[in-house]
Amino acid sequence: MLTQSSKNANRRHVHERIRKKILGTSQRPRLNVYRSLNHIYVQVIDDLNGKTLVSANSAEGSKGERRIGGNVAAAKTVGRDSRPRLSASSAAQQI
């Protein structure tokens, strides 16, 4: 009989498969995007040092400025917010 796996277990399996192939360095960090039902979270990660260089999400800011939902408008806002932070850090390129 087939066993049913949870969505979180499937997400972890996909994450492990991707991490076998991709490694972020300080010159070219890895970009991680997580989309929940309500928000979008972005991290730029240096795997060699084990540090998060930049993080941004759609839940930041005052209540009136927040974009609700994991939609395109929220993604654009998060991208706009994370770009200056990435430029301020030493990372020039990202995977």
N, C-alpha and C. Protein backbone atom coordinates (compact mmCIF):
# COMPACT_ATOMS: atom_id res chain seq x y z
N MET A 1 0.84 -1.17 0.00
CA MET A 1 0.00 0.00 0.00
C MET A 1 0.89 1.24 0.00
N LEU A 2 0.47 2.26 -0.69
CA LEU A 2 1.23 3.50 -0.75
C LEU A 2 1.03 4.32 0.52
N THR A 3 2.12 4.88 1.01
CA THR A 3 2.02 5.76 2.17
C THR A 3 2.00 7.20 1.68
N GLN A 4 1.25 8.01 2.37
CA GLN A 4 1.12 9.40 1.98
C GLN A 4 2.09 10.25 2.80
N SER A 5 2.91 11.05 2.11
CA SER A 5 3.87 11.90 2.82
C SER A 5 3.29 13.31 2.92
N SER A 6 3.76 14.04 3.91
CA SER A 6 3.25 15.38 4.13
C SER A 6 3.90 16.37 3.17
N LYS A 7 3.29 17.53 3.04
CA LYS A 7 3.84 18.57 2.17
C LYS A 7 5.19 19.04 2.70
N ASN A 8 5.32 19.11 4.02
CA ASN A 8 6.58 19.55 4.60
C ASN A 8 7.69 18.53 4.33
N ALA A 9 7.39 17.25 4.38
CA ALA A 9 8.38 16.22 4.07
C ALA A 9 8.80 16.31 2.61
N ASN A 10 7.85 16.56 1.72
CA ASN A 10 8.18 16.73 0.31
C ASN A 10 9.06 17.96 0.10
N ARG A 11 8.75 19.04 0.79
CA ARG A 11 9.54 20.27 0.67
C ARG A 11 10.96 20.04 1.15
N ARG A 12 11.12 19.30 2.26
CA ARG A 12 12.46 18.99 2.77
C ARG A 12 13.25 18.14 1.79
N HIS A 13 12.58 17.17 1.16
CA HIS A 13 13.24 16.31 0.19
C HIS A 13 13.74 17.12 -1.00
N VAL A 14 12.93 18.02 -1.51
CA VAL A 14 13.33 18.88 -2.63
C VAL A 14 14.49 19.77 -2.21
N HIS A 15 14.43 20.31 -0.99
CA HIS A 15 15.49 21.17 -0.48
C HIS A 15 16.81 20.42 -0.40
N GLU A 16 16.79 19.20 0.10
CA GLU A 16 18.01 18.39 0.18
C GLU A 16 18.58 18.08 -1.19
N ARG A 17 17.71 17.78 -2.15
CA ARG A 17 18.16 17.48 -3.51
C ARG A 17 18.83 18.70 -4.15
N ILE A 18 18.26 19.88 -3.93
CA ILE A 18 18.84 21.11 -4.49
C ILE A 18 20.16 21.43 -3.82
N ARG A 19 20.24 21.26 -2.50
CA ARG A 19 21.45 21.60 -1.76
C ARG A 19 22.63 20.72 -2.11
N LYS A 20 22.38 19.51 -2.65
CA LYS A 20 23.48 18.66 -3.10
C LYS A 20 24.19 19.29 -4.29
N LYS A 21 23.46 20.06 -5.08
CA LYS A 21 24.00 20.60 -6.32
C LYS A 21 24.47 22.05 -6.21
N ILE A 22 23.91 22.82 -5.28
CA ILE A 22 24.19 24.25 -5.20
C ILE A 22 24.89 24.57 -3.90
N LEU A 23 25.96 25.36 -3.99
CA LEU A 23 26.70 25.80 -2.82
C LEU A 23 26.98 27.29 -2.96
N GLY A 24 26.64 28.06 -1.96
CA GLY A 24 26.87 29.49 -2.00
C GLY A 24 28.20 29.86 -1.36
N THR A 25 28.93 30.77 -1.99
CA THR A 25 30.18 31.26 -1.44
C THR A 25 30.03 32.74 -1.10
N SER A 26 31.08 33.33 -0.54
CA SER A 26 30.98 34.75 -0.19
C SER A 26 30.97 35.63 -1.44
N GLN A 27 31.64 35.19 -2.53
CA GLN A 27 31.60 35.96 -3.77
C GLN A 27 30.31 35.74 -4.54
N ARG A 28 29.77 34.53 -4.44
CA ARG A 28 28.54 34.20 -5.15
C ARG A 28 27.60 33.43 -4.22
N PRO A 29 26.85 34.15 -3.40
CA PRO A 29 26.00 33.48 -2.41
C PRO A 29 24.76 32.85 -3.03
N ARG A 30 24.15 31.98 -2.25
CA ARG A 30 22.94 31.27 -2.67
C ARG A 30 21.72 32.09 -2.28
N LEU A 31 20.75 32.16 -3.17
CA LEU A 31 19.50 32.87 -2.91
C LEU A 31 18.44 31.84 -2.54
N ASN A 32 17.84 32.00 -1.36
CA ASN A 32 16.81 31.10 -0.88
C ASN A 32 15.50 31.88 -0.78
N VAL A 33 14.45 31.36 -1.38
CA VAL A 33 13.13 31.99 -1.36
C VAL A 33 12.14 31.01 -0.77
N TYR A 34 11.39 31.46 0.23
CA TYR A 34 10.33 30.65 0.82
C TYR A 34 9.03 31.44 0.73
N ARG A 35 8.02 30.82 0.18
CA ARG A 35 6.73 31.47 0.01
C ARG A 35 5.70 30.74 0.85
N SER A 36 5.15 31.44 1.83
CA SER A 36 4.05 30.88 2.61
C SER A 36 2.74 31.43 2.05
N LEU A 37 1.65 31.08 2.67
CA LEU A 37 0.36 31.59 2.20
C LEU A 37 0.26 33.10 2.39
N ASN A 38 0.89 33.62 3.44
CA ASN A 38 0.73 35.03 3.77
C ASN A 38 1.91 35.91 3.40
N HIS A 39 3.12 35.37 3.32
CA HIS A 39 4.29 36.20 3.10
C HIS A 39 5.33 35.51 2.24
N ILE A 40 6.31 36.29 1.78
CA ILE A 40 7.45 35.79 1.03
C ILE A 40 8.70 36.15 1.81
N TYR A 41 9.60 35.17 1.96
CA TYR A 41 10.84 35.36 2.71
C TYR A 41 12.01 35.08 1.78
N VAL A 42 13.02 35.96 1.79
CA VAL A 42 14.20 35.82 0.94
C VAL A 42 15.44 35.90 1.80
N GLN A 43 16.40 35.00 1.55
CA GLN A 43 17.69 35.02 2.23
C GLN A 43 18.79 34.86 1.19
N VAL A 44 19.89 35.58 1.38
CA VAL A 44 21.09 35.39 0.59
C VAL A 44 22.11 34.78 1.54
N ILE A 45 22.58 33.56 1.22
CA ILE A 45 23.32 32.74 2.17
C ILE A 45 24.71 32.40 1.65
N ASP A 46 25.71 32.53 2.54
CA ASP A 46 27.07 32.08 2.30
C ASP A 46 27.23 30.74 3.00
N ASP A 47 27.23 29.64 2.25
CA ASP A 47 27.27 28.31 2.84
C ASP A 47 28.64 27.95 3.40
N LEU A 48 29.72 28.51 2.85
CA LEU A 48 31.04 28.17 3.33
C LEU A 48 31.26 28.66 4.76
N ASN A 49 30.77 29.86 5.07
CA ASN A 49 30.89 30.41 6.42
C ASN A 49 29.67 30.14 7.27
N GLY A 50 28.60 29.65 6.66
CA GLY A 50 27.37 29.35 7.40
C GLY A 50 26.66 30.59 7.89
N LYS A 51 26.66 31.66 7.08
CA LYS A 51 26.05 32.92 7.50
C LYS A 51 25.02 33.40 6.48
N THR A 52 24.00 34.04 7.00
CA THR A 52 23.02 34.71 6.14
C THR A 52 23.50 36.14 5.94
N LEU A 53 23.76 36.51 4.68
CA LEU A 53 24.28 37.84 4.38
C LEU A 53 23.17 38.89 4.39
N VAL A 54 22.05 38.57 3.76
CA VAL A 54 20.94 39.50 3.63
C VAL A 54 19.65 38.72 3.79
N SER A 55 18.68 39.32 4.46
CA SER A 55 17.35 38.71 4.52
C SER A 55 16.31 39.81 4.39
N ALA A 56 15.21 39.46 3.78
CA ALA A 56 14.08 40.38 3.62
C ALA A 56 12.81 39.56 3.54
N ASN A 57 11.70 40.17 3.93
CA ASN A 57 10.42 39.48 3.82
C ASN A 57 9.30 40.49 3.69
N SER A 58 8.15 39.98 3.30
CA SER A 58 7.01 40.87 3.06
C SER A 58 6.31 41.27 4.36
N ALA A 59 6.73 40.71 5.49
CA ALA A 59 6.13 41.05 6.78
C ALA A 59 6.85 42.22 7.45
N GLU A 60 7.91 42.75 6.84
CA GLU A 60 8.66 43.86 7.42
C GLU A 60 7.93 45.18 7.23
N GLY A 61 8.28 46.14 8.02
CA GLY A 61 7.72 47.47 7.89
C GLY A 61 6.51 47.67 8.77
N SER A 62 5.96 48.88 8.70
CA SER A 62 4.77 49.16 9.49
C SER A 62 3.57 48.45 8.89
N LYS A 63 2.53 48.38 9.65
CA LYS A 63 1.36 47.59 9.24
C LYS A 63 0.75 48.10 7.93
N GLY A 64 0.77 49.40 7.71
CA GLY A 64 0.21 49.95 6.48
C GLY A 64 1.04 49.69 5.25
N GLU A 65 2.36 49.48 5.43
CA GLU A 65 3.25 49.28 4.29
C GLU A 65 3.35 47.82 3.87
N ARG A 66 2.92 46.90 4.69
CA ARG A 66 3.07 45.47 4.40
C ARG A 66 2.20 45.05 3.24
N ARG A 67 2.74 44.13 2.44
CA ARG A 67 1.98 43.51 1.37
C ARG A 67 1.53 42.16 1.88
N ILE A 68 0.25 41.91 1.86
CA ILE A 68 -0.27 40.65 2.37
C ILE A 68 -0.43 39.67 1.21
N GLY A 69 -0.03 38.45 1.45
CA GLY A 69 -0.18 37.40 0.45
C GLY A 69 1.13 37.10 -0.24
N GLY A 70 1.30 35.86 -0.62
CA GLY A 70 2.49 35.44 -1.36
C GLY A 70 2.26 35.66 -2.84
N ASN A 71 2.02 36.90 -3.22
CA ASN A 71 1.68 37.19 -4.61
C ASN A 71 2.80 37.96 -5.31
N VAL A 72 2.59 38.33 -6.55
CA VAL A 72 3.60 39.00 -7.36
C VAL A 72 3.92 40.38 -6.79
N ALA A 73 2.94 41.10 -6.31
CA ALA A 73 3.19 42.43 -5.75
C ALA A 73 4.07 42.34 -4.52
N ALA A 74 3.83 41.36 -3.67
CA ALA A 74 4.66 41.17 -2.48
C ALA A 74 6.07 40.76 -2.88
N ALA A 75 6.21 39.93 -3.90
CA ALA A 75 7.53 39.51 -4.37
C ALA A 75 8.32 40.69 -4.92
N LYS A 76 7.66 41.58 -5.64
CA LYS A 76 8.34 42.77 -6.15
C LYS A 76 8.81 43.67 -5.02
N THR A 77 7.98 43.81 -4.01
CA THR A 77 8.35 44.63 -2.85
C THR A 77 9.55 44.04 -2.12
N VAL A 78 9.55 42.73 -1.92
CA VAL A 78 10.67 42.08 -1.25
C VAL A 78 11.94 42.20 -2.08
N GLY A 79 11.83 42.05 -3.39
CA GLY A 79 12.99 42.20 -4.27
C GLY A 79 13.55 43.61 -4.23
N ARG A 80 12.65 44.60 -4.22
CA ARG A 80 13.08 45.99 -4.12
C ARG A 80 13.78 46.28 -2.80
N ASP A 81 13.30 45.66 -1.72
CA ASP A 81 13.88 45.87 -0.41
C ASP A 81 15.22 45.16 -0.24
N SER A 82 15.37 43.98 -0.84
CA SER A 82 16.59 43.20 -0.64
C SER A 82 17.75 43.67 -1.52
N ARG A 83 17.47 44.30 -2.64
CA ARG A 83 18.54 44.71 -3.56
C ARG A 83 19.51 45.71 -2.94
N PRO A 84 19.05 46.80 -2.30
CA PRO A 84 20.03 47.73 -1.69
C PRO A 84 20.82 47.07 -0.56
N ARG A 85 20.19 46.17 0.18
CA ARG A 85 20.90 45.47 1.25
C ARG A 85 22.01 44.59 0.68
N LEU A 86 21.73 43.94 -0.45
CA LEU A 86 22.73 43.10 -1.09
C LEU A 86 23.87 43.93 -1.65
N SER A 87 23.56 45.10 -2.20
CA SER A 87 24.59 45.98 -2.72
C SER A 87 25.48 46.50 -1.60
N ALA A 88 24.89 46.73 -0.43
CA ALA A 88 25.68 47.22 0.71
C ALA A 88 26.59 46.14 1.26
N SER A 89 26.22 44.87 1.10
CA SER A 89 27.10 43.80 1.57
C SER A 89 28.19 43.57 0.53
N SER A 90 29.12 42.68 0.85
CA SER A 90 30.28 42.46 -0.03
C SER A 90 29.95 41.52 -1.19
N ALA A 91 28.79 40.94 -1.23
CA ALA A 91 28.43 39.98 -2.28
C ALA A 91 28.13 40.72 -3.57
N ALA A 92 28.84 40.36 -4.63
CA ALA A 92 28.64 41.02 -5.91
C ALA A 92 27.62 40.28 -6.76
N GLN A 93 27.65 38.96 -6.72
CA GLN A 93 26.78 38.15 -7.54
C GLN A 93 26.03 37.18 -6.66
N GLN A 94 24.95 36.65 -7.17
CA GLN A 94 24.24 35.61 -6.44
C GLN A 94 23.85 34.50 -7.39
N ILE A 95 23.69 33.32 -6.84
CA ILE A 95 23.33 32.16 -7.67
C ILE A 95 21.85 32.24 -7.98
